[in-house]
Amino acid sequence: MPRPRKCRRVCGMPRVRVFVPQGQTSQQEPLVLTVDQYEMLRLMDLEGYTQEECARQMGVARTTVQADYNAARRILAQALVHGRSILIEGGEYTLCTAHSCGGRRCGCCHKKKEDSQ
């Protein structure tokens, strides 16, 4: 029996949940990027976190981050190469409530370990 999936801690919901290529004419189903995959992309590619720092921030193992991050990048590559839409929804996550941020992007969850020392 597989282990149950651990909820990933996410600081806030994406401001934009649907991306559609300009001039898209096909009626293909959008590719789905989960909210937790979005958070991993945001933390590592935008905020500059390492996989280990991202794992600590989200409350999961580094190997989980590695696998889910690679899956998220494949989704982005498919969308770019094949002109597919992206829908951000679902996943196993819980919104961060540190410092009473209520899930807003106040920055309380965006500090690397060395920033908080």
C-alpha atoms as a PDB file:
ATOM      1  CA  MET A   1       0.000   0.000   0.000  1.00  0.00           C
ATOM      2  CA  PRO A   2       1.547   3.364  -1.001  1.00  0.00           C
ATOM      3  CA  ARG A   3       2.115   6.084   1.539  1.00  0.00           C
ATOM      4  CA  PRO A   4      -0.494   8.853   1.567  1.00  0.00           C
ATOM      5  CA  ARG A   5       0.594  12.044  -0.182  1.00  0.00           C
ATOM      6  CA  LYS A   6       1.749  14.750   2.190  1.00  0.00           C
ATOM      7  CA  CYS A   7       0.126  18.169   1.794  1.00  0.00           C
ATOM      8  CA  ARG A   8       2.501  20.771   0.453  1.00  0.00           C
ATOM      9  CA  ARG A   9       2.562  24.191   2.120  1.00  0.00           C
ATOM     10  CA  VAL A  10       1.739  26.981  -0.364  1.00  0.00           C
ATOM     11  CA  CYS A  11       2.002  30.661   0.559  1.00  0.00           C
ATOM     12  CA  GLY A  12      -0.728  31.925  -1.750  1.00  0.00           C
ATOM     13  CA  MET A  13      -2.911  31.065  -4.679  1.00  0.00           C
ATOM     14  CA  PRO A  14      -1.771  32.113  -8.157  1.00  0.00           C
ATOM     15  CA  ARG A  15      -3.075  35.518  -9.225  1.00  0.00           C
ATOM     16  CA  VAL A  16      -3.688  34.187 -12.732  1.00  0.00           C
ATOM     17  CA  ARG A  17      -4.910  30.623 -13.146  1.00  0.00           C
ATOM     18  CA  VAL A  18      -5.308  30.310 -16.927  1.00  0.00           C
ATOM     19  CA  PHE A  19      -2.764  31.009 -19.658  1.00  0.00           C
ATOM     20  CA  VAL A  20      -3.796  30.794 -23.306  1.00  0.00           C
ATOM     21  CA  PRO A  21      -1.392  31.301 -26.223  1.00  0.00           C
ATOM     22  CA  GLN A  22      -2.267  34.316 -28.332  1.00  0.00           C
ATOM     23  CA  GLY A  23      -3.984  33.273 -31.546  1.00  0.00           C
ATOM     24  CA  GLN A  24      -4.678  29.743 -30.320  1.00  0.00           C
ATOM     25  CA  THR A  25      -7.158  28.112 -32.656  1.00  0.00           C
ATOM     26  CA  SER A  26      -7.218  24.484 -31.490  1.00  0.00           C
ATOM     27  CA  GLN A  27      -9.773  23.268 -28.996  1.00  0.00           C
ATOM     28  CA  GLN A  28      -7.354  21.003 -27.107  1.00  0.00           C
ATOM     29  CA  GLU A  29      -7.881  20.530 -23.403  1.00  0.00           C
ATOM     30  CA  PRO A  30      -5.555  22.750 -21.344  1.00  0.00           C
ATOM     31  CA  LEU A  31      -2.585  21.187 -19.597  1.00  0.00           C
ATOM     32  CA  VAL A  32      -3.071  21.165 -15.832  1.00  0.00           C
ATOM     33  CA  LEU A  33      -0.352  22.474 -13.536  1.00  0.00           C
ATOM     34  CA  THR A  34      -1.220  21.843  -9.895  1.00  0.00           C
ATOM     35  CA  VAL A  35      -1.044  24.623  -7.324  1.00  0.00           C
ATOM     36  CA  ASP A  36       1.811  22.871  -5.511  1.00  0.00           C
ATOM     37  CA  GLN A  37       3.754  22.485  -8.786  1.00  0.00           C
ATOM     38  CA  TYR A  38       3.199  26.197  -9.421  1.00  0.00           C
ATOM     39  CA  GLU A  39       4.580  26.975  -5.939  1.00  0.00           C
ATOM     40  CA  MET A  40       7.693  24.876  -6.630  1.00  0.00           C
ATOM     41  CA  LEU A  41       8.320  26.733  -9.885  1.00  0.00           C
ATOM     42  CA  ARG A  42       7.811  30.053  -8.129  1.00  0.00           C
ATOM     43  CA  LEU A  43      10.133  29.229  -5.257  1.00  0.00           C
ATOM     44  CA  MET A  44      12.968  27.752  -7.318  1.00  0.00           C
ATOM     45  CA  ASP A  45      12.822  29.627 -10.623  1.00  0.00           C
ATOM     46  CA  LEU A  46      11.633  33.028  -9.402  1.00  0.00           C
ATOM     47  CA  GLU A  47      12.803  33.227  -5.780  1.00  0.00           C
ATOM     48  CA  GLY A  48      16.050  31.287  -6.324  1.00  0.00           C
ATOM     49  CA  TYR A  49      15.499  28.560  -3.728  1.00  0.00           C
ATOM     50  CA  THR A  50      17.423  25.294  -3.946  1.00  0.00           C
ATOM     51  CA  GLN A  51      15.463  22.043  -3.987  1.00  0.00           C
ATOM     52  CA  GLU A  52      16.356  21.523  -0.334  1.00  0.00           C
ATOM     53  CA  GLU A  53      15.162  25.015   0.671  1.00  0.00           C
ATOM     54  CA  CYS A  54      11.989  24.558  -1.362  1.00  0.00           C
ATOM     55  CA  ALA A  55      11.336  21.207   0.312  1.00  0.00           C
ATOM     56  CA  ARG A  56      11.803  22.750   3.765  1.00  0.00           C
ATOM     57  CA  GLN A  57       9.499  25.655   2.895  1.00  0.00           C
ATOM     58  CA  MET A  58       6.777  23.366   1.554  1.00  0.00           C
ATOM     59  CA  GLY A  59       7.116  20.711   4.255  1.00  0.00           C
ATOM     60  CA  VAL A  60       8.008  17.774   1.986  1.00  0.00           C
ATOM     61  CA  ALA A  61      11.060  15.688   1.080  1.00  0.00           C
ATOM     62  CA  ARG A  62      13.636  16.970  -1.405  1.00  0.00           C
ATOM     63  CA  THR A  63      12.968  13.943  -3.628  1.00  0.00           C
ATOM     64  CA  THR A  64       9.292  14.936  -3.761  1.00  0.00           C
ATOM     65  CA  VAL A  65      10.266  18.431  -4.876  1.00  0.00           C
ATOM     66  CA  GLN A  66      12.627  17.024  -7.502  1.00  0.00           C
ATOM     67  CA  ALA A  67       9.984  14.748  -9.031  1.00  0.00           C
ATOM     68  CA  ASP A  68       7.147  17.292  -8.965  1.00  0.00           C
ATOM     69  CA  TYR A  69       9.372  20.120 -10.221  1.00  0.00           C
ATOM     70  CA  ASN A  70      10.488  17.998 -13.189  1.00  0.00           C
ATOM     71  CA  ALA A  71       6.851  17.170 -13.973  1.00  0.00           C
ATOM     72  CA  ALA A  72       5.931  20.875 -13.810  1.00  0.00           C
ATOM     73  CA  ARG A  73       8.736  21.795 -16.204  1.00  0.00           C
ATOM     74  CA  ARG A  74       7.548  19.130 -18.664  1.00  0.00           C
ATOM     75  CA  ILE A  75       4.070  20.679 -18.582  1.00  0.00           C
ATOM     76  CA  LEU A  76       5.505  24.143 -19.291  1.00  0.00           C
ATOM     77  CA  ALA A  77       7.644  22.777 -22.136  1.00  0.00           C
ATOM     78  CA  GLN A  78       4.646  21.032 -23.731  1.00  0.00           C
ATOM     79  CA  ALA A  79       2.621  24.233 -23.525  1.00  0.00           C
ATOM     80  CA  LEU A  80       5.363  26.331 -25.118  1.00  0.00           C
ATOM     81  CA  VAL A  81       6.332  23.872 -27.842  1.00  0.00           C
ATOM     82  CA  HIS A  82       2.828  22.746 -28.790  1.00  0.00           C
ATOM     83  CA  GLY A  83       0.935  26.004 -28.158  1.00  0.00           C
ATOM     84  CA  ARG A  84      -1.256  24.542 -25.416  1.00  0.00           C
ATOM     85  CA  SER A  85      -3.124  26.409 -22.697  1.00  0.00           C
ATOM     86  CA  ILE A  86      -2.211  25.970 -19.033  1.00  0.00           C
ATOM     87  CA  LEU A  87      -4.735  25.742 -16.219  1.00  0.00           C
ATOM     88  CA  ILE A  88      -3.465  25.987 -12.627  1.00  0.00           C
ATOM     89  CA  GLU A  89      -5.707  24.033 -10.269  1.00  0.00           C
ATOM     90  CA  GLY A  90      -5.856  21.151  -7.835  1.00  0.00           C
ATOM     91  CA  GLY A  91      -3.053  19.299  -6.122  1.00  0.00           C
ATOM     92  CA  GLU A  92      -2.270  18.282  -2.562  1.00  0.00           C
ATOM     93  CA  TYR A  93      -1.630  21.535  -0.708  1.00  0.00           C
ATOM     94  CA  THR A  94      -2.526  23.634   2.276  1.00  0.00           C
ATOM     95  CA  LEU A  95      -2.327  27.431   2.382  1.00  0.00           C
ATOM     96  CA  CYS A  96       0.278  28.928   4.696  1.00  0.00           C
ATOM     97  CA  THR A  97      -0.993  30.860   7.658  1.00  0.00           C
ATOM     98  CA  ALA A  98       2.378  31.870   9.151  1.00  0.00           C
ATOM     99  CA  HIS A  99       2.325  35.290  10.773  1.00  0.00           C
ATOM    100  CA  SER A 100      -1.422  35.454  10.065  1.00  0.00           C
ATOM    101  CA  CYS A 101      -0.841  36.117   6.381  1.00  0.00           C
ATOM    102  CA  GLY A 102      -4.045  34.261   5.563  1.00  0.00           C
ATOM    103  CA  GLY A 103      -2.525  32.941   2.337  1.00  0.00           C
ATOM    104  CA  ARG A 104      -1.716  36.375   0.900  1.00  0.00           C
ATOM    105  CA  ARG A 105       1.717  36.971  -0.611  1.00  0.00           C
ATOM    106  CA  CYS A 106       2.928  39.100   2.265  1.00  0.00           C
ATOM    107  CA  GLY A 107       6.447  37.682   2.144  1.00  0.00           C
ATOM    108  CA  CYS A 108       6.324  35.829   5.462  1.00  0.00           C
ATOM    109  CA  CYS A 109       6.810  32.519   3.695  1.00  0.00           C
ATOM    110  CA  HIS A 110       9.330  33.709   1.143  1.00  0.00           C
ATOM    111  CA  LYS A 111      12.345  34.129   3.395  1.00  0.00           C
ATOM    112  CA  LYS A 112      15.219  31.716   2.952  1.00  0.00           C
ATOM    113  CA  LYS A 113      16.710  30.178   6.064  1.00  0.00           C
ATOM    114  CA  GLU A 114      19.751  32.468   6.000  1.00  0.00           C
ATOM    115  CA  ASP A 115      17.460  35.535   5.734  1.00  0.00           C
ATOM    116  CA  SER A 116      15.749  34.683   9.010  1.00  0.00           C
ATOM    117  CA  GLN A 117      18.941  34.313  11.059  1.00  0.00           C
END
